[in-house]
Amino acid sequence: MTPEPTTSATSFEPGTLVHDPATDRVGEYRDTVGPYALLRPVGGGREWQADPASLRAATPEQRLSAGVRAANERAARDTWGHVDLGRPPLPVSGCETCAELAGQRQTARAESDASAVTDADVLMRRHQRAEHGA
């Protein structure tokens, strides 16, 4: 690994991608406020404070990795942003298909088969959108 060039944060232009060794993250340099440099995640997000003296210009590999990560996160938001994947869908009372899929999910959980649990959730969400307008 080649050593990162030493550059003080005050010489960074806003928008420069820098590596913060304290968090091992690459961020977009925004400004220095008081004793801190403000960095923004590549692709957007919540800014964080960093020690300006420890910041280094991001290497080409770090810039590429941060760009790919941001693109993947953006694609995931665009694809799944409308679905709360943290909560499994509930079966609709009286629906045989929902009950069957809930049973499949319960069996998969008992067998510690996370992939089958996810499959049952996906199938139930598709069914509910098509049949129940949920």
N, C-alpha and C. Protein backbone atom coordinates (compact mmCIF):
# COMPACT_ATOMS: atom_id res chain seq x y z
N MET A 1 0.85 -1.17 0.00
CA MET A 1 0.00 0.00 0.00
C MET A 1 0.89 1.23 0.00
N THR A 2 0.62 2.16 -0.87
CA THR A 2 1.42 3.38 -0.94
C THR A 2 0.93 4.36 0.11
N PRO A 3 1.84 5.07 0.74
CA PRO A 3 1.42 6.04 1.75
C PRO A 3 0.62 7.16 1.10
N GLU A 4 -0.35 7.63 1.86
CA GLU A 4 -1.18 8.72 1.35
C GLU A 4 -0.40 10.02 1.45
N PRO A 5 -0.62 10.91 0.47
CA PRO A 5 0.07 12.20 0.52
C PRO A 5 -0.41 13.02 1.71
N THR A 6 0.50 13.75 2.30
CA THR A 6 0.12 14.60 3.42
C THR A 6 -0.26 15.96 2.89
N THR A 7 -1.48 16.37 3.20
CA THR A 7 -1.99 17.66 2.80
C THR A 7 -2.86 18.16 3.93
N SER A 8 -2.70 19.37 4.34
CA SER A 8 -3.55 19.86 5.43
C SER A 8 -4.94 20.15 4.89
N ALA A 9 -5.95 20.01 5.76
CA ALA A 9 -7.35 20.18 5.35
C ALA A 9 -7.61 21.58 4.83
N THR A 10 -6.85 22.56 5.30
CA THR A 10 -7.10 23.92 4.85
C THR A 10 -6.74 24.09 3.39
N SER A 11 -5.95 23.18 2.82
CA SER A 11 -5.60 23.30 1.42
C SER A 11 -6.56 22.52 0.51
N PHE A 12 -7.51 21.78 1.09
CA PHE A 12 -8.48 21.06 0.28
C PHE A 12 -9.54 22.03 -0.23
N GLU A 13 -9.90 21.84 -1.47
CA GLU A 13 -11.01 22.60 -2.04
C GLU A 13 -12.31 21.90 -1.68
N PRO A 14 -13.39 22.63 -1.46
CA PRO A 14 -14.67 21.97 -1.23
C PRO A 14 -15.00 21.02 -2.38
N GLY A 15 -15.46 19.83 -2.04
CA GLY A 15 -15.76 18.82 -3.05
C GLY A 15 -14.67 17.79 -3.24
N THR A 16 -13.47 18.04 -2.68
CA THR A 16 -12.37 17.09 -2.78
C THR A 16 -12.68 15.86 -1.96
N LEU A 17 -12.41 14.69 -2.52
CA LEU A 17 -12.61 13.45 -1.78
C LEU A 17 -11.38 13.19 -0.92
N VAL A 18 -11.63 13.00 0.38
CA VAL A 18 -10.55 12.79 1.34
C VAL A 18 -10.83 11.53 2.15
N HIS A 19 -9.77 10.96 2.70
CA HIS A 19 -9.88 9.78 3.55
C HIS A 19 -9.75 10.23 4.99
N ASP A 20 -10.72 9.80 5.82
CA ASP A 20 -10.68 10.07 7.25
C ASP A 20 -10.23 8.79 7.95
N PRO A 21 -8.99 8.73 8.41
CA PRO A 21 -8.49 7.49 9.03
C PRO A 21 -9.19 7.13 10.34
N ALA A 22 -9.77 8.10 11.03
CA ALA A 22 -10.45 7.80 12.30
C ALA A 22 -11.69 6.93 12.07
N THR A 23 -12.37 7.13 10.94
CA THR A 23 -13.57 6.35 10.63
C THR A 23 -13.32 5.38 9.48
N ASP A 24 -12.17 5.48 8.85
CA ASP A 24 -11.81 4.69 7.67
C ASP A 24 -12.86 4.86 6.58
N ARG A 25 -13.30 6.11 6.39
CA ARG A 25 -14.29 6.44 5.37
C ARG A 25 -13.74 7.50 4.43
N VAL A 26 -14.26 7.49 3.22
CA VAL A 26 -13.95 8.53 2.25
C VAL A 26 -15.13 9.48 2.23
N GLY A 27 -14.85 10.75 2.29
CA GLY A 27 -15.91 11.75 2.27
C GLY A 27 -15.53 12.93 1.42
N GLU A 28 -16.54 13.70 1.11
CA GLU A 28 -16.34 14.93 0.34
C GLU A 28 -16.06 16.06 1.33
N TYR A 29 -14.91 16.70 1.18
CA TYR A 29 -14.55 17.80 2.05
C TYR A 29 -15.50 18.96 1.79
N ARG A 30 -16.12 19.49 2.87
CA ARG A 30 -17.05 20.60 2.73
C ARG A 30 -16.42 21.92 3.18
N ASP A 31 -15.90 21.91 4.42
CA ASP A 31 -15.36 23.14 4.99
C ASP A 31 -14.71 22.81 6.32
N THR A 32 -14.00 23.76 6.87
CA THR A 32 -13.47 23.63 8.22
C THR A 32 -14.23 24.61 9.09
N VAL A 33 -14.79 24.09 10.18
CA VAL A 33 -15.55 24.91 11.11
C VAL A 33 -14.94 24.70 12.49
N GLY A 34 -14.38 25.76 13.04
CA GLY A 34 -13.71 25.64 14.33
C GLY A 34 -12.56 24.66 14.18
N PRO A 35 -12.44 23.72 15.12
CA PRO A 35 -11.33 22.77 15.06
C PRO A 35 -11.62 21.55 14.18
N TYR A 36 -12.75 21.52 13.51
CA TYR A 36 -13.15 20.33 12.76
C TYR A 36 -13.29 20.59 11.27
N ALA A 37 -13.05 19.54 10.51
CA ALA A 37 -13.37 19.56 9.08
C ALA A 37 -14.71 18.85 8.93
N LEU A 38 -15.57 19.37 8.08
CA LEU A 38 -16.85 18.74 7.81
C LEU A 38 -16.74 17.92 6.54
N LEU A 39 -17.13 16.64 6.64
CA LEU A 39 -17.09 15.73 5.51
C LEU A 39 -18.49 15.21 5.25
N ARG A 40 -18.79 14.99 3.99
CA ARG A 40 -20.09 14.47 3.57
C ARG A 40 -19.86 13.15 2.86
N PRO A 41 -20.67 12.13 3.14
CA PRO A 41 -20.49 10.86 2.44
C PRO A 41 -20.62 11.03 0.92
N VAL A 42 -19.88 10.24 0.18
CA VAL A 42 -19.99 10.26 -1.28
C VAL A 42 -21.40 9.81 -1.62
N GLY A 43 -22.09 10.57 -2.44
CA GLY A 43 -23.46 10.23 -2.81
C GLY A 43 -24.49 10.86 -1.90
N GLY A 44 -24.06 11.56 -0.85
CA GLY A 44 -24.99 12.23 0.04
C GLY A 44 -25.14 11.52 1.36
N GLY A 45 -25.75 12.22 2.28
CA GLY A 45 -25.96 11.66 3.61
C GLY A 45 -25.56 12.64 4.68
N ARG A 46 -25.54 12.15 5.91
CA ARG A 46 -25.24 13.00 7.06
C ARG A 46 -23.76 13.32 7.13
N GLU A 47 -23.46 14.60 7.28
CA GLU A 47 -22.06 15.02 7.42
C GLU A 47 -21.49 14.54 8.74
N TRP A 48 -20.18 14.43 8.78
CA TRP A 48 -19.52 14.12 10.04
C TRP A 48 -18.31 15.01 10.19
N GLN A 49 -17.85 15.13 11.44
CA GLN A 49 -16.70 15.96 11.76
C GLN A 49 -15.45 15.09 11.82
N ALA A 50 -14.35 15.67 11.38
CA ALA A 50 -13.09 14.94 11.39
C ALA A 50 -11.97 15.89 11.81
N ASP A 51 -10.89 15.30 12.24
CA ASP A 51 -9.69 16.06 12.60
C ASP A 51 -9.01 16.48 11.31
N PRO A 52 -8.96 17.77 11.02
CA PRO A 52 -8.37 18.23 9.76
C PRO A 52 -6.93 17.79 9.56
N ALA A 53 -6.17 17.67 10.63
CA ALA A 53 -4.75 17.30 10.51
C ALA A 53 -4.57 15.85 10.06
N SER A 54 -5.58 15.02 10.29
CA SER A 54 -5.43 13.60 9.94
C SER A 54 -5.93 13.27 8.53
N LEU A 55 -6.62 14.20 7.89
CA LEU A 55 -7.19 13.93 6.58
C LEU A 55 -6.13 13.86 5.50
N ARG A 56 -6.35 12.96 4.55
CA ARG A 56 -5.45 12.79 3.41
C ARG A 56 -6.30 12.72 2.14
N ALA A 57 -5.72 13.13 1.05
CA ALA A 57 -6.43 13.00 -0.23
C ALA A 57 -6.69 11.52 -0.47
N ALA A 58 -7.91 11.20 -0.89
CA ALA A 58 -8.27 9.80 -1.14
C ALA A 58 -7.47 9.27 -2.33
N THR A 59 -7.05 8.02 -2.22
CA THR A 59 -6.33 7.38 -3.32
C THR A 59 -7.34 7.05 -4.42
N PRO A 60 -6.87 6.78 -5.64
CA PRO A 60 -7.81 6.39 -6.70
C PRO A 60 -8.65 5.17 -6.31
N GLU A 61 -8.05 4.20 -5.61
CA GLU A 61 -8.79 3.02 -5.19
C GLU A 61 -9.87 3.38 -4.19
N GLN A 62 -9.56 4.26 -3.26
CA GLN A 62 -10.54 4.69 -2.26
C GLN A 62 -11.69 5.46 -2.91
N ARG A 63 -11.35 6.33 -3.90
CA ARG A 63 -12.40 7.09 -4.59
C ARG A 63 -13.32 6.15 -5.35
N LEU A 64 -12.73 5.16 -6.03
CA LEU A 64 -13.53 4.20 -6.80
C LEU A 64 -14.42 3.39 -5.87
N SER A 65 -13.87 2.90 -4.78
CA SER A 65 -14.65 2.11 -3.82
C SER A 65 -15.80 2.93 -3.25
N ALA A 66 -15.55 4.17 -2.89
CA ALA A 66 -16.60 5.03 -2.34
C ALA A 66 -17.68 5.31 -3.39
N GLY A 67 -17.28 5.49 -4.63
CA GLY A 67 -18.26 5.72 -5.70
C GLY A 67 -19.13 4.51 -5.96
N VAL A 68 -18.54 3.34 -5.94
CA VAL A 68 -19.30 2.10 -6.15
C VAL A 68 -20.26 1.90 -4.98
N ARG A 69 -19.79 2.12 -3.76
CA ARG A 69 -20.65 1.97 -2.58
C ARG A 69 -21.85 2.92 -2.69
N ALA A 70 -21.61 4.16 -3.07
CA ALA A 70 -22.69 5.14 -3.20
C ALA A 70 -23.68 4.72 -4.28
N ALA A 71 -23.18 4.22 -5.40
CA ALA A 71 -24.07 3.77 -6.48
C ALA A 71 -24.91 2.58 -6.03
N ASN A 72 -24.31 1.66 -5.29
CA ASN A 72 -25.06 0.50 -4.78
C ASN A 72 -26.14 0.94 -3.79
N GLU A 73 -25.80 1.86 -2.91
CA GLU A 73 -26.79 2.36 -1.94
C GLU A 73 -27.92 3.09 -2.64
N ARG A 74 -27.59 3.87 -3.68
CA ARG A 74 -28.62 4.58 -4.43
C ARG A 74 -29.53 3.60 -5.15
N ALA A 75 -28.96 2.56 -5.74
CA ALA A 75 -29.76 1.55 -6.43
C ALA A 75 -30.67 0.83 -5.45
N ALA A 76 -30.16 0.52 -4.27
CA ALA A 76 -30.99 -0.15 -3.26
C ALA A 76 -32.13 0.75 -2.82
N ARG A 77 -31.86 2.04 -2.63
CA ARG A 77 -32.93 2.97 -2.24
C ARG A 77 -33.98 3.07 -3.34
N ASP A 78 -33.53 3.16 -4.60
CA ASP A 78 -34.47 3.28 -5.71
C ASP A 78 -35.31 2.03 -5.87
N THR A 79 -34.74 0.87 -5.60
CA THR A 79 -35.44 -0.39 -5.78
C THR A 79 -36.36 -0.69 -4.62
N TRP A 80 -35.87 -0.51 -3.40
CA TRP A 80 -36.62 -0.95 -2.23
C TRP A 80 -37.11 0.19 -1.35
N GLY A 81 -36.90 1.44 -1.78
CA GLY A 81 -37.25 2.58 -0.94
C GLY A 81 -38.70 2.61 -0.49
N HIS A 82 -39.62 2.04 -1.23
CA HIS A 82 -41.03 2.10 -0.89
C HIS A 82 -41.46 0.93 -0.01
N VAL A 83 -40.59 0.00 0.29
CA VAL A 83 -40.94 -1.18 1.08
C VAL A 83 -40.11 -1.17 2.36
N ASP A 84 -40.77 -1.37 3.49
CA ASP A 84 -40.05 -1.49 4.75
C ASP A 84 -39.61 -2.93 4.90
N LEU A 85 -38.36 -3.22 4.51
CA LEU A 85 -37.88 -4.59 4.55
C LEU A 85 -37.50 -5.03 5.96
N GLY A 86 -37.55 -4.13 6.91
CA GLY A 86 -37.21 -4.50 8.26
C GLY A 86 -38.35 -5.23 8.98
N ARG A 87 -39.54 -5.15 8.43
CA ARG A 87 -40.70 -5.74 9.06
C ARG A 87 -41.34 -6.73 8.11
N PRO A 88 -41.51 -7.98 8.50
CA PRO A 88 -42.12 -8.95 7.58
C PRO A 88 -43.59 -8.64 7.36
N PRO A 89 -44.10 -8.93 6.17
CA PRO A 89 -45.51 -8.67 5.90
C PRO A 89 -46.40 -9.58 6.74
N LEU A 90 -47.54 -9.05 7.15
CA LEU A 90 -48.50 -9.83 7.93
C LEU A 90 -49.52 -10.46 7.00
N PRO A 91 -49.90 -11.69 7.25
CA PRO A 91 -50.90 -12.32 6.39
C PRO A 91 -52.26 -11.64 6.56
N VAL A 92 -53.00 -11.55 5.47
CA VAL A 92 -54.34 -10.98 5.50
C VAL A 92 -55.27 -12.06 6.06
N SER A 93 -56.06 -11.68 7.04
CA SER A 93 -56.97 -12.62 7.69
C SER A 93 -57.93 -13.22 6.66
N GLY A 94 -58.05 -14.56 6.68
CA GLY A 94 -58.99 -15.26 5.81
C GLY A 94 -58.44 -15.58 4.43
N CYS A 95 -57.22 -15.18 4.12
CA CYS A 95 -56.64 -15.45 2.80
C CYS A 95 -55.79 -16.72 2.88
N GLU A 96 -56.16 -17.72 2.09
CA GLU A 96 -55.44 -19.00 2.11
C GLU A 96 -53.99 -18.86 1.64
N THR A 97 -53.78 -18.04 0.59
CA THR A 97 -52.42 -17.86 0.06
C THR A 97 -51.52 -17.20 1.11
N CYS A 98 -52.04 -16.16 1.77
CA CYS A 98 -51.27 -15.50 2.82
C CYS A 98 -50.93 -16.49 3.94
N ALA A 99 -51.91 -17.30 4.33
CA ALA A 99 -51.70 -18.28 5.40
C ALA A 99 -50.65 -19.31 4.99
N GLU A 100 -50.71 -19.75 3.74
CA GLU A 100 -49.73 -20.73 3.25
C GLU A 100 -48.32 -20.14 3.25
N LEU A 101 -48.19 -18.91 2.78
CA LEU A 101 -46.87 -18.27 2.74
C LEU A 101 -46.35 -17.99 4.15
N ALA A 102 -47.24 -17.62 5.06
CA ALA A 102 -46.84 -17.42 6.46
C ALA A 102 -46.35 -18.73 7.06
N GLY A 103 -46.99 -19.84 6.69
CA GLY A 103 -46.55 -21.15 7.15
C GLY A 103 -45.18 -21.51 6.61
N GLN A 104 -44.95 -21.20 5.32
CA GLN A 104 -43.63 -21.46 4.74
C GLN A 104 -42.56 -20.66 5.46
N ARG A 105 -42.89 -19.41 5.77
CA ARG A 105 -41.92 -18.56 6.47
C ARG A 105 -41.63 -19.11 7.86
N GLN A 106 -42.67 -19.56 8.57
CA GLN A 106 -42.50 -20.11 9.91
C GLN A 106 -41.63 -21.37 9.87
N THR A 107 -41.86 -22.22 8.88
CA THR A 107 -41.05 -23.44 8.74
C THR A 107 -39.60 -23.08 8.46
N ALA A 108 -39.39 -22.12 7.58
CA ALA A 108 -38.03 -21.70 7.23
C ALA A 108 -37.31 -21.13 8.46
N ARG A 109 -38.02 -20.36 9.27
CA ARG A 109 -37.41 -19.83 10.49
C ARG A 109 -37.02 -20.96 11.44
N ALA A 110 -37.90 -21.95 11.56
CA ALA A 110 -37.62 -23.08 12.45
C ALA A 110 -36.40 -23.85 11.98
N GLU A 111 -36.17 -23.87 10.66
CA GLU A 111 -35.02 -24.58 10.09
C GLU A 111 -33.80 -23.67 9.95
N SER A 112 -33.90 -22.43 10.43
CA SER A 112 -32.82 -21.43 10.33
C SER A 112 -32.38 -21.22 8.88
N ASP A 113 -33.35 -21.20 7.97
CA ASP A 113 -33.08 -21.00 6.54
C ASP A 113 -33.46 -19.57 6.17
N ALA A 114 -32.53 -18.64 6.37
CA ALA A 114 -32.79 -17.23 6.14
C ALA A 114 -33.19 -16.94 4.70
N SER A 115 -32.62 -17.66 3.76
CA SER A 115 -32.96 -17.45 2.36
C SER A 115 -34.42 -17.80 2.10
N ALA A 116 -34.90 -18.90 2.65
CA ALA A 116 -36.30 -19.30 2.47
C ALA A 116 -37.23 -18.33 3.18
N VAL A 117 -36.82 -17.78 4.32
CA VAL A 117 -37.62 -16.77 5.01
C VAL A 117 -37.80 -15.56 4.10
N THR A 118 -36.70 -15.11 3.51
CA THR A 118 -36.76 -13.97 2.59
C THR A 118 -37.63 -14.28 1.39
N ASP A 119 -37.49 -15.48 0.84
CA ASP A 119 -38.32 -15.87 -0.30
C ASP A 119 -39.80 -15.80 0.04
N ALA A 120 -40.17 -16.32 1.21
CA ALA A 120 -41.58 -16.29 1.63
C ALA A 120 -42.07 -14.86 1.80
N ASP A 121 -41.23 -14.00 2.37
CA ASP A 121 -41.61 -12.59 2.52
C ASP A 121 -41.82 -11.92 1.18
N VAL A 122 -40.91 -12.17 0.24
CA VAL A 122 -41.03 -11.57 -1.10
C VAL A 122 -42.31 -12.06 -1.78
N LEU A 123 -42.57 -13.35 -1.71
CA LEU A 123 -43.77 -13.90 -2.34
C LEU A 123 -45.03 -13.34 -1.69
N MET A 124 -45.02 -13.18 -0.37
CA MET A 124 -46.19 -12.62 0.29
C MET A 124 -46.41 -11.16 -0.09
N ARG A 125 -45.32 -10.39 -0.18
CA ARG A 125 -45.47 -8.99 -0.60
C ARG A 125 -46.03 -8.90 -2.02
N ARG A 126 -45.52 -9.73 -2.92
CA ARG A 126 -46.03 -9.73 -4.30
C ARG A 126 -47.50 -10.12 -4.33
N HIS A 127 -47.86 -11.14 -3.61
CA HIS A 127 -49.24 -11.60 -3.55
C HIS A 127 -50.14 -10.49 -3.00
N GLN A 128 -49.70 -9.87 -1.92
CA GLN A 128 -50.52 -8.83 -1.30
C GLN A 128 -50.70 -7.62 -2.20
N ARG A 129 -49.66 -7.25 -2.93
CA ARG A 129 -49.80 -6.13 -3.87
C ARG A 129 -50.79 -6.49 -4.98
N ALA A 130 -50.70 -7.71 -5.49
CA ALA A 130 -51.54 -8.13 -6.61
C ALA A 130 -52.99 -8.39 -6.19
N GLU A 131 -53.17 -9.02 -5.04
CA GLU A 131 -54.51 -9.47 -4.65
C GLU A 131 -55.21 -8.58 -3.62
N HIS A 132 -54.42 -7.91 -2.79
CA HIS A 132 -55.03 -7.14 -1.70
C HIS A 132 -54.77 -5.64 -1.82
N GLY A 133 -54.01 -5.24 -2.85
CA GLY A 133 -53.72 -3.81 -3.03
C GLY A 133 -52.87 -3.21 -1.93
N ALA A 134 -52.15 -4.07 -1.22
CA ALA A 134 -51.30 -3.58 -0.11
C ALA A 134 -49.93 -3.22 -0.59
